[in-house]
C-alpha atoms as a PDB file:
ATOM      1  CA  UNK A   1     -19.089  10.060   5.804  1.00  0.00           C
ATOM      2  CA  UNK A   2     -16.259  12.045   4.267  1.00  0.00           C
ATOM      3  CA  UNK A   3     -14.842  15.241   5.699  1.00  0.00           C
ATOM      4  CA  UNK A   4     -14.351  18.321   3.566  1.00  0.00           C
ATOM      5  CA  UNK A   5     -10.995  20.107   3.634  1.00  0.00           C
ATOM      6  CA  UNK A   6      -9.137  22.775   1.751  1.00  0.00           C
ATOM      7  CA  UNK A   7      -5.609  22.471   0.385  1.00  0.00           C
ATOM      8  CA  UNK A   8      -3.173  24.760  -1.406  1.00  0.00           C
ATOM      9  CA  UNK A   9      -1.284  23.200  -4.290  1.00  0.00           C
ATOM     10  CA  UNK A  10       1.160  24.151  -6.990  1.00  0.00           C
ATOM     11  CA  UNK A  11      -0.799  25.158 -10.113  1.00  0.00           C
ATOM     12  CA  UNK A  12       1.146  22.657 -12.225  1.00  0.00           C
ATOM     13  CA  UNK A  13      -0.011  19.790  -9.989  1.00  0.00           C
ATOM     14  CA  UNK A  14      -3.596  20.993 -10.195  1.00  0.00           C
ATOM     15  CA  UNK A  15      -3.383  21.106 -13.999  1.00  0.00           C
ATOM     16  CA  UNK A  16      -2.011  17.560 -14.111  1.00  0.00           C
ATOM     17  CA  UNK A  17      -4.761  16.395 -11.760  1.00  0.00           C
ATOM     18  CA  UNK A  18      -7.429  18.007 -13.935  1.00  0.00           C
ATOM     19  CA  UNK A  19      -6.006  16.213 -16.980  1.00  0.00           C
ATOM     20  CA  UNK A  20      -6.286  12.861 -15.183  1.00  0.00           C
ATOM     21  CA  UNK A  21      -9.924  13.649 -14.405  1.00  0.00           C
ATOM     22  CA  UNK A  22     -10.591  14.590 -18.048  1.00  0.00           C
ATOM     23  CA  UNK A  23      -8.941  11.320 -19.172  1.00  0.00           C
ATOM     24  CA  UNK A  24     -11.273   9.419 -16.863  1.00  0.00           C
ATOM     25  CA  UNK A  25      -8.461   7.974 -14.744  1.00  0.00           C
ATOM     26  CA  UNK A  26     -10.067   9.461 -11.610  1.00  0.00           C
ATOM     27  CA  UNK A  27     -13.596  10.651 -10.816  1.00  0.00           C
ATOM     28  CA  UNK A  28     -12.470  14.046  -9.512  1.00  0.00           C
ATOM     29  CA  UNK A  29      -9.542  15.811  -7.827  1.00  0.00           C
ATOM     30  CA  UNK A  30     -10.640  14.618  -4.391  1.00  0.00           C
ATOM     31  CA  UNK A  31     -10.401  11.035  -5.654  1.00  0.00           C
ATOM     32  CA  UNK A  32      -6.807  11.667  -6.812  1.00  0.00           C
ATOM     33  CA  UNK A  33      -5.739  13.123  -3.472  1.00  0.00           C
ATOM     34  CA  UNK A  34      -7.447  10.359  -1.486  1.00  0.00           C
ATOM     35  CA  UNK A  35      -5.848   7.681  -3.707  1.00  0.00           C
ATOM     36  CA  UNK A  36      -2.385   9.243  -3.435  1.00  0.00           C
ATOM     37  CA  UNK A  37      -2.548   9.739   0.326  1.00  0.00           C
ATOM     38  CA  UNK A  38      -3.768   6.194   0.918  1.00  0.00           C
ATOM     39  CA  UNK A  39      -0.924   4.751  -1.149  1.00  0.00           C
ATOM     40  CA  UNK A  40       1.666   7.010   0.483  1.00  0.00           C
ATOM     41  CA  UNK A  41       0.540   5.966   3.964  1.00  0.00           C
ATOM     42  CA  UNK A  42       0.515   2.265   3.000  1.00  0.00           C
ATOM     43  CA  UNK A  43       4.020   2.602   1.549  1.00  0.00           C
ATOM     44  CA  UNK A  44       5.296   4.254   4.730  1.00  0.00           C
ATOM     45  CA  UNK A  45       3.691   1.559   6.893  1.00  0.00           C
ATOM     46  CA  UNK A  46       5.676  -1.086   5.006  1.00  0.00           C
ATOM     47  CA  UNK A  47       8.973   0.678   5.762  1.00  0.00           C
END
């Protein structure tokens, strides 16, 4: 089960995220944020 949350983001980042969704790179904006956070945490664990 996934938890729902709310975030505030710079409009430019949101626009770029929406473009990635339109291109089909990601399913939706939640997918982008989940992907990015997972990779950031993995990268920090390696340090």
